[in-house]
Structures are given as C-alpha cells and as structure tokens.
PDB file of N, CA and C in Angstrom:
ATOM      1  N   MET A   1     116.697 120.438 116.899  1.00  0.00           N
ATOM      2  CA  MET A   1     116.289 119.225 116.204  1.00  0.00           C
ATOM      3  C   MET A   1     115.047 118.651 116.888  1.00  0.00           C
ATOM      4  N   VAL A   2     114.089 118.230 116.102  1.00  0.00           N
ATOM      5  CA  VAL A   2     112.844 117.681 116.621  1.00  0.00           C
ATOM      6  C   VAL A   2     113.042 116.201 116.938  1.00  0.00           C
ATOM      7  N   LYS A   3     112.582 115.774 118.095  1.00  0.00           N
ATOM      8  CA  LYS A   3     112.675 114.371 118.483  1.00  0.00           C
ATOM      9  C   LYS A   3     111.690 113.552 117.655  1.00  0.00           C
ATOM     10  N   GLU A   4     112.150 112.404 117.181  1.00  0.00           N
ATOM     11  CA  GLU A   4     111.293 111.529 116.388  1.00  0.00           C
ATOM     12  C   GLU A   4     110.182 110.944 117.255  1.00  0.00           C
ATOM     13  N   SER A   5     109.025 110.791 116.668  1.00  0.00           N
ATOM     14  CA  SER A   5     107.898 110.165 117.341  1.00  0.00           C
ATOM     15  C   SER A   5     108.246 108.712 117.658  1.00  0.00           C
ATOM     16  N   SER A   6     107.832 108.248 118.824  1.00  0.00           N
ATOM     17  CA  SER A   6     108.146 106.869 119.201  1.00  0.00           C
ATOM     18  C   SER A   6     107.497 105.864 118.261  1.00  0.00           C
ATOM     19  N   VAL A   7     106.313 106.157 117.767  1.00  0.00           N
ATOM     20  CA  VAL A   7     105.668 105.222 116.846  1.00  0.00           C
ATOM     21  C   VAL A   7     106.439 105.167 115.526  1.00  0.00           C
ATOM     22  N   LEU A   8     106.964 106.295 115.055  1.00  0.00           N
ATOM     23  CA  LEU A   8     107.785 106.276 113.844  1.00  0.00           C
ATOM     24  C   LEU A   8     109.036 105.440 114.067  1.00  0.00           C
ATOM     25  N   ASN A   9     109.646 105.593 115.222  1.00  0.00           N
ATOM     26  CA  ASN A   9     110.831 104.796 115.548  1.00  0.00           C
ATOM     27  C   ASN A   9     110.502 103.313 115.601  1.00  0.00           C
ATOM     28  N   GLU A  10     109.412 102.959 116.250  1.00  0.00           N
ATOM     29  CA  GLU A  10     109.023 101.551 116.361  1.00  0.00           C
ATOM     30  C   GLU A  10     108.791 100.936 114.985  1.00  0.00           C
ATOM     31  N   ILE A  11     108.037 101.617 114.154  1.00  0.00           N
ATOM     32  CA  ILE A  11     107.709 101.084 112.831  1.00  0.00           C
ATOM     33  C   ILE A  11     108.951 101.004 111.955  1.00  0.00           C
ATOM     34  N   SER A  12     109.754 102.063 111.941  1.00  0.00           N
ATOM     35  CA  SER A  12     110.940 102.051 111.082  1.00  0.00           C
ATOM     36  C   SER A  12     111.954 101.008 111.545  1.00  0.00           C
ATOM     37  N   ASN A  13     112.103 100.817 112.851  1.00  0.00           N
ATOM     38  CA  ASN A  13     112.993  99.768 113.356  1.00  0.00           C
ATOM     39  C   ASN A  13     112.481  98.387 112.973  1.00  0.00           C
ATOM     40  N   PHE A  14     111.182  98.181 113.064  1.00  0.00           N
ATOM     41  CA  PHE A  14     110.581  96.903 112.683  1.00  0.00           C
ATOM     42  C   PHE A  14     110.834  96.607 111.211  1.00  0.00           C
ATOM     43  N   ILE A  15     110.564  97.582 110.362  1.00  0.00           N
ATOM     44  CA  ILE A  15     110.762  97.394 108.925  1.00  0.00           C
ATOM     45  C   ILE A  15     112.235  97.132 108.623  1.00  0.00           C
ATOM     46  N   ALA A  16     113.114  97.921 109.193  1.00  0.00           N
ATOM     47  CA  ALA A  16     114.549  97.781 108.938  1.00  0.00           C
ATOM     48  C   ALA A  16     115.060  96.410 109.365  1.00  0.00           C
ATOM     49  N   GLY A  17     114.503  95.867 110.431  1.00  0.00           N
ATOM     50  CA  GLY A  17     114.956  94.584 110.937  1.00  0.00           C
ATOM     51  C   GLY A  17     114.492  93.393 110.124  1.00  0.00           C
ATOM     52  N   MET A  18     113.514  93.573 109.271  1.00  0.00           N
ATOM     53  CA  MET A  18     112.975  92.461 108.495  1.00  0.00           C
ATOM     54  C   MET A  18     114.013  91.907 107.518  1.00  0.00           C
ATOM     55  N   ASN A  19     114.552  92.753 106.688  1.00  0.00           N
ATOM     56  CA  ASN A  19     115.610  92.393 105.747  1.00  0.00           C
ATOM     57  C   ASN A  19     116.279  93.698 105.340  1.00  0.00           C
ATOM     58  N   PRO A  20     117.322  94.070 106.035  1.00  0.00           N
ATOM     59  CA  PRO A  20     117.946  95.377 105.801  1.00  0.00           C
ATOM     60  C   PRO A  20     118.293  95.663 104.341  1.00  0.00           C
ATOM     61  N   GLU A  21     118.794  94.672 103.624  1.00  0.00           N
ATOM     62  CA  GLU A  21     119.167  94.898 102.223  1.00  0.00           C
ATOM     63  C   GLU A  21     117.951  95.235 101.367  1.00  0.00           C
ATOM     64  N   LYS A  22     116.846  94.521 101.591  1.00  0.00           N
ATOM     65  CA  LYS A  22     115.631  94.802 100.821  1.00  0.00           C
ATOM     66  C   LYS A  22     115.078  96.179 101.162  1.00  0.00           C
ATOM     67  N   VAL A  23     115.151  96.542 102.426  1.00  0.00           N
ATOM     68  CA  VAL A  23     114.665  97.863 102.845  1.00  0.00           C
ATOM     69  C   VAL A  23     115.477  98.953 102.156  1.00  0.00           C
ATOM     70  N   ILE A  24     116.789  98.814 102.177  1.00  0.00           N
ATOM     71  CA  ILE A  24     117.666  99.813 101.566  1.00  0.00           C
ATOM     72  C   ILE A  24     117.391  99.942 100.072  1.00  0.00           C
ATOM     73  N   ASN A  25     117.116  98.828  99.410  1.00  0.00           N
ATOM     74  CA  ASN A  25     116.902  98.833  97.960  1.00  0.00           C
ATOM     75  C   ASN A  25     115.477  99.164  97.541  1.00  0.00           C
ATOM     76  N   PHE A  26     114.566  99.304  98.519  1.00  0.00           N
ATOM     77  CA  PHE A  26     113.174  99.597  98.178  1.00  0.00           C
ATOM     78  C   PHE A  26     113.059 100.940  97.472  1.00  0.00           C
ATOM     79  N   LYS A  27     112.246 100.941  96.433  1.00  0.00           N
ATOM     80  CA  LYS A  27     111.940 102.172  95.704  1.00  0.00           C
ATOM     81  C   LYS A  27     110.471 102.104  95.295  1.00  0.00           C
ATOM     82  N   ALA A  28     109.762 103.184  95.493  1.00  0.00           N
ATOM     83  CA  ALA A  28     108.350 103.229  95.093  1.00  0.00           C
ATOM     84  C   ALA A  28     108.244 103.088  93.579  1.00  0.00           C
ATOM     85  N   SER A  29     107.114 102.600  93.131  1.00  0.00           N
ATOM     86  CA  SER A  29     106.897 102.431  91.692  1.00  0.00           C
ATOM     87  C   SER A  29     106.913 103.785  90.988  1.00  0.00           C
ATOM     88  N   ASP A  30     107.162 103.748  89.695  1.00  0.00           N
ATOM     89  CA  ASP A  30     107.156 104.981  88.906  1.00  0.00           C
ATOM     90  C   ASP A  30     105.806 105.681  88.992  1.00  0.00           C
ATOM     91  N   SER A  31     104.725 104.902  88.978  1.00  0.00           N
ATOM     92  CA  SER A  31     103.395 105.520  89.033  1.00  0.00           C
ATOM     93  C   SER A  31     103.164 106.206  90.382  1.00  0.00           C
ATOM     94  N   SER A  32     103.652 105.617  91.460  1.00  0.00           N
ATOM     95  CA  SER A  32     103.527 106.256  92.774  1.00  0.00           C
ATOM     96  C   SER A  32     104.356 107.529  92.843  1.00  0.00           C
ATOM     97  N   GLN A  33     105.560 107.480  92.310  1.00  0.00           N
ATOM     98  CA  GLN A  33     106.411 108.668  92.297  1.00  0.00           C
ATOM     99  C   GLN A  33     105.800 109.771  91.436  1.00  0.00           C
ATOM    100  N   ASP A  34     105.243 109.379  90.287  1.00  0.00           N
ATOM    101  CA  ASP A  34     104.588 110.359  89.412  1.00  0.00           C
ATOM    102  C   ASP A  34     103.402 111.010  90.112  1.00  0.00           C
ATOM    103  N   ARG A  35     102.630 110.205  90.828  1.00  0.00           N
ATOM    104  CA  ARG A  35     101.460 110.737  91.535  1.00  0.00           C
ATOM    105  C   ARG A  35     101.887 111.716  92.628  1.00  0.00           C
ATOM    106  N   LEU A  36     102.929 111.373  93.363  1.00  0.00           N
ATOM    107  CA  LEU A  36     103.435 112.262  94.403  1.00  0.00           C
ATOM    108  C   LEU A  36     103.910 113.577  93.796  1.00  0.00           C
ATOM    109  N   GLU A  37     104.656 113.512  92.713  1.00  0.00           N
ATOM    110  CA  GLU A  37     105.135 114.727  92.045  1.00  0.00           C
ATOM    111  C   GLU A  37     103.969 115.576  91.553  1.00  0.00           C
ATOM    112  N   PHE A  38     102.930 114.924  91.030  1.00  0.00           N
ATOM    113  CA  PHE A  38     101.744 115.647  90.575  1.00  0.00           C
ATOM    114  C   PHE A  38     101.088 116.392  91.734  1.00  0.00           C
ATOM    115  N   LEU A  39     100.899 115.698  92.852  1.00  0.00           N
ATOM    116  CA  LEU A  39     100.248 116.322  94.006  1.00  0.00           C
ATOM    117  C   LEU A  39     101.071 117.482  94.549  1.00  0.00           C
ATOM    118  N   LEU A  40     102.380 117.313  94.628  1.00  0.00           N
ATOM    119  CA  LEU A  40     103.242 118.391  95.119  1.00  0.00           C
ATOM    120  C   LEU A  40     103.213 119.590  94.181  1.00  0.00           C
ATOM    121  N   SER A  41     103.229 119.320  92.886  1.00  0.00           N
ATOM    122  CA  SER A  41     103.185 120.396  91.896  1.00  0.00           C
ATOM    123  C   SER A  41     101.847 121.129  91.946  1.00  0.00           C
ATOM    124  N   LYS A  42     100.773 120.361  92.024  1.00  0.00           N
ATOM    125  CA  LYS A  42      99.438 120.960  92.083  1.00  0.00           C
ATOM    126  C   LYS A  42      99.284 121.801  93.344  1.00  0.00           C
ATOM    127  N   GLN A  43      99.826 121.321  94.447  1.00  0.00           N
ATOM    128  CA  GLN A  43      99.725 122.039  95.717  1.00  0.00           C
ATOM    129  C   GLN A  43     100.393 123.411  95.619  1.00  0.00           C
ATOM    130  N   LYS A  44     101.471 123.503  94.868  1.00  0.00           N
ATOM    131  CA  LYS A  44     102.173 124.781  94.713  1.00  0.00           C
ATOM    132  C   LYS A  44     101.385 125.763  93.852  1.00  0.00           C
ATOM    133  N   LYS A  45     100.602 125.243  92.902  1.00  0.00           N
ATOM    134  CA  LYS A  45      99.897 126.085  91.938  1.00  0.00           C
ATOM    135  C   LYS A  45      98.475 126.434  92.355  1.00  0.00           C
ATOM    136  N   GLU A  46      97.836 125.509  93.058  1.00  0.00           N
ATOM    137  CA  GLU A  46      96.425 125.691  93.419  1.00  0.00           C
ATOM    138  C   GLU A  46      96.100 124.851  94.646  1.00  0.00           C
ATOM    139  N   SER A  47      94.882 124.949  95.084  1.00  0.00           N
ATOM    140  CA  SER A  47      94.452 124.170  96.246  1.00  0.00           C
ATOM    141  C   SER A  47      94.181 122.729  95.853  1.00  0.00           C
ATOM    142  N   LEU A  48      94.532 121.837  96.753  1.00  0.00           N
ATOM    143  CA  LEU A  48      94.215 120.434  96.553  1.00  0.00           C
ATOM    144  C   LEU A  48      92.812 120.154  97.075  1.00  0.00           C
ATOM    145  N   LEU A  49      92.160 119.176  96.480  1.00  0.00           N
ATOM    146  CA  LEU A  49      90.896 118.687  97.025  1.00  0.00           C
ATOM    147  C   LEU A  49      91.198 117.996  98.352  1.00  0.00           C
ATOM    148  N   GLU A  50      90.207 117.859  99.199  1.00  0.00           N
ATOM    149  CA  GLU A  50      90.423 117.234 100.506  1.00  0.00           C
ATOM    150  C   GLU A  50      91.016 115.835 100.371  1.00  0.00           C
ATOM    151  N   GLU A  51      90.493 115.041  99.431  1.00  0.00           N
ATOM    152  CA  GLU A  51      91.027 113.682  99.274  1.00  0.00           C
ATOM    153  C   GLU A  51      92.468 113.709  98.762  1.00  0.00           C
ATOM    154  N   GLU A  52      92.819 114.715  97.973  1.00  0.00           N
ATOM    155  CA  GLU A  52      94.200 114.859  97.507  1.00  0.00           C
ATOM    156  C   GLU A  52      95.116 115.267  98.656  1.00  0.00           C
ATOM    157  N   LYS A  53      94.623 116.135  99.536  1.00  0.00           N
ATOM    158  CA  LYS A  53      95.410 116.522 100.716  1.00  0.00           C
ATOM    159  C   LYS A  53      95.698 115.304 101.584  1.00  0.00           C
ATOM    160  N   THR A  54      94.678 114.498 101.797  1.00  0.00           N
ATOM    161  CA  THR A  54      94.838 113.286 102.597  1.00  0.00           C
ATOM    162  C   THR A  54      95.822 112.332 101.935  1.00  0.00           C
ATOM    163  N   GLU A  55      95.680 112.163 100.636  1.00  0.00           N
ATOM    164  CA  GLU A  55      96.590 111.283  99.892  1.00  0.00           C
ATOM    165  C   GLU A  55      98.034 111.773 100.009  1.00  0.00           C
ATOM    166  N   LEU A  56      98.242 113.071  99.856  1.00  0.00           N
ATOM    167  CA  LEU A  56      99.581 113.644  99.962  1.00  0.00           C
ATOM    168  C   LEU A  56     100.140 113.449 101.371  1.00  0.00           C
ATOM    169  N   GLU A  57      99.322 113.664 102.375  1.00  0.00           N
ATOM    170  CA  GLU A  57      99.761 113.440 103.755  1.00  0.00           C
ATOM    171  C   GLU A  57     100.212 111.998 103.956  1.00  0.00           C
ATOM    172  N   HIS A  58      99.461 111.055 103.394  1.00  0.00           N
ATOM    173  CA  HIS A  58      99.822 109.640 103.512  1.00  0.00           C
ATOM    174  C   HIS A  58     101.160 109.361 102.829  1.00  0.00           C
ATOM    175  N   TYR A  59     101.339 109.892 101.626  1.00  0.00           N
ATOM    176  CA  TYR A  59     102.616 109.726 100.926  1.00  0.00           C
ATOM    177  C   TYR A  59     103.766 110.242 101.785  1.00  0.00           C
ATOM    178  N   LEU A  60     103.596 111.421 102.365  1.00  0.00           N
ATOM    179  CA  LEU A  60     104.671 112.037 103.138  1.00  0.00           C
ATOM    180  C   LEU A  60     104.973 111.261 104.417  1.00  0.00           C
ATOM    181  N   ILE A  61     103.947 110.749 105.063  1.00  0.00           N
ATOM    182  CA  ILE A  61     104.145 109.936 106.268  1.00  0.00           C
ATOM    183  C   ILE A  61     104.897 108.655 105.919  1.00  0.00           C
ATOM    184  N   ILE A  62     104.450 107.989 104.869  1.00  0.00           N
ATOM    185  CA  ILE A  62     105.103 106.747 104.456  1.00  0.00           C
ATOM    186  C   ILE A  62     106.540 107.014 104.034  1.00  0.00           C
ATOM    187  N   ASN A  63     106.761 108.103 103.316  1.00  0.00           N
ATOM    188  CA  ASN A  63     108.114 108.456 102.896  1.00  0.00           C
ATOM    189  C   ASN A  63     109.023 108.651 104.107  1.00  0.00           C
ATOM    190  N   ARG A  64     108.516 109.278 105.132  1.00  0.00           N
ATOM    191  CA  ARG A  64     109.300 109.506 106.355  1.00  0.00           C
ATOM    192  C   ARG A  64     109.623 108.183 107.035  1.00  0.00           C
ATOM    193  N   ILE A  65     108.642 107.308 107.143  1.00  0.00           N
ATOM    194  CA  ILE A  65     108.855 106.006 107.779  1.00  0.00           C
ATOM    195  C   ILE A  65     109.882 105.192 107.001  1.00  0.00           C
ATOM    196  N   VAL A  66     109.740 105.145 105.684  1.00  0.00           N
ATOM    197  CA  VAL A  66     110.679 104.382 104.856  1.00  0.00           C
ATOM    198  C   VAL A  66     112.082 104.981 104.956  1.00  0.00           C
ATOM    199  N   GLY A  67     112.176 106.296 104.965  1.00  0.00           N
ATOM    200  CA  GLY A  67     113.479 106.939 105.109  1.00  0.00           C
ATOM    201  C   GLY A  67     114.157 106.581 106.419  1.00  0.00           C
ATOM    202  N   LEU A  68     113.393 106.589 107.495  1.00  0.00           N
ATOM    203  CA  LEU A  68     113.936 106.191 108.798  1.00  0.00           C
ATOM    204  C   LEU A  68     114.343 104.722 108.798  1.00  0.00           C
ATOM    205  N   ALA A  69     113.514 103.878 108.190  1.00  0.00           N
ATOM    206  CA  ALA A  69     113.827 102.447 108.125  1.00  0.00           C
ATOM    207  C   ALA A  69     115.106 102.210 107.330  1.00  0.00           C
ATOM    208  N   LYS A  70     115.278 102.937 106.240  1.00  0.00           N
ATOM    209  CA  LYS A  70     116.497 102.790 105.439  1.00  0.00           C
ATOM    210  C   LYS A  70     117.728 103.214 106.237  1.00  0.00           C
ATOM    211  N   ALA A  71     117.620 104.298 106.976  1.00  0.00           N
ATOM    212  CA  ALA A  71     118.745 104.757 107.793  1.00  0.00           C
ATOM    213  C   ALA A  71     119.107 103.714 108.848  1.00  0.00           C
ATOM    214  N   ARG A  72     118.108 103.129 109.471  1.00  0.00           N
ATOM    215  CA  ARG A  72     118.369 102.117 110.490  1.00  0.00           C
ATOM    216  C   ARG A  72     118.894 100.829 109.866  1.00  0.00           C
ATOM    217  N   ALA A  73     118.384 100.483 108.683  1.00  0.00           N
ATOM    218  CA  ALA A  73     118.853  99.279 107.989  1.00  0.00           C
ATOM    219  C   ALA A  73     120.331  99.404 107.629  1.00  0.00           C
ATOM    220  N   LEU A  74     120.746 100.581 107.226  1.00  0.00           N
ATOM    221  CA  LEU A  74     122.164 100.797 106.910  1.00  0.00           C
ATOM    222  C   LEU A  74     123.048 100.534 108.126  1.00  0.00           C
ATOM    223  N   LYS A  75     122.568 100.913 109.291  1.00  0.00           N
ATOM    224  CA  LYS A  75     123.339 100.695 110.518  1.00  0.00           C
ATOM    225  C   LYS A  75     123.424  99.215 110.880  1.00  0.00           C
ATOM    226  N   MET A  76     122.455  98.415 110.403  1.00  0.00           N
ATOM    227  CA  MET A  76     122.417  96.993 110.734  1.00  0.00           C
ATOM    228  C   MET A  76     123.338  96.155 109.857  1.00  0.00           C
ATOM    229  N   LEU A  77     123.751  96.704 108.737  1.00  0.00           N
ATOM    230  CA  LEU A  77     124.604  95.927 107.824  1.00  0.00           C
ATOM    231  C   LEU A  77     126.048  95.939 108.260  1.00  0.00           C
TER     232      LEU A  77
END
C-alpha cells in the first residue's frame, strides 16, 4: 500500500473538518462529471492535447482529495 502524501492528508483533513455532512454530500456538477468522462474516454481512444492532459490531471487530483476528505468526514460523524 502506498503511503498518502502529507499534503493530501492535510488538505483532506482540513476540508473534512469544515462541515463533515456537507463534505460527504458533495457531488461535482453534471457538466464537470461529463467533462471528466469525455477526457477519460478520449484518452483511451487517442492522445489528449497538452491542456487536456493538464485538465485531466487536475480532475484526478481533486477527486483524490475529495475522496480522502469524505472518508475522514465519515469518521468524524
């Protein structure tokens, strides 16, 4: 198992501590989810443009942080 980055832990703990219920219930907008699905699908079929690669990386980083925050928020309830 890979150890979590300390900065990911710090950020996710901070977010989770703000309002655990809101963190748990957070869901990205439909347009954001659609964009992520588009980028993932395009990546499987062809090469992404550099700006698309960067955008996808950002989505994945944020998704990881939010996932960690949700897990920690559940423990706080």
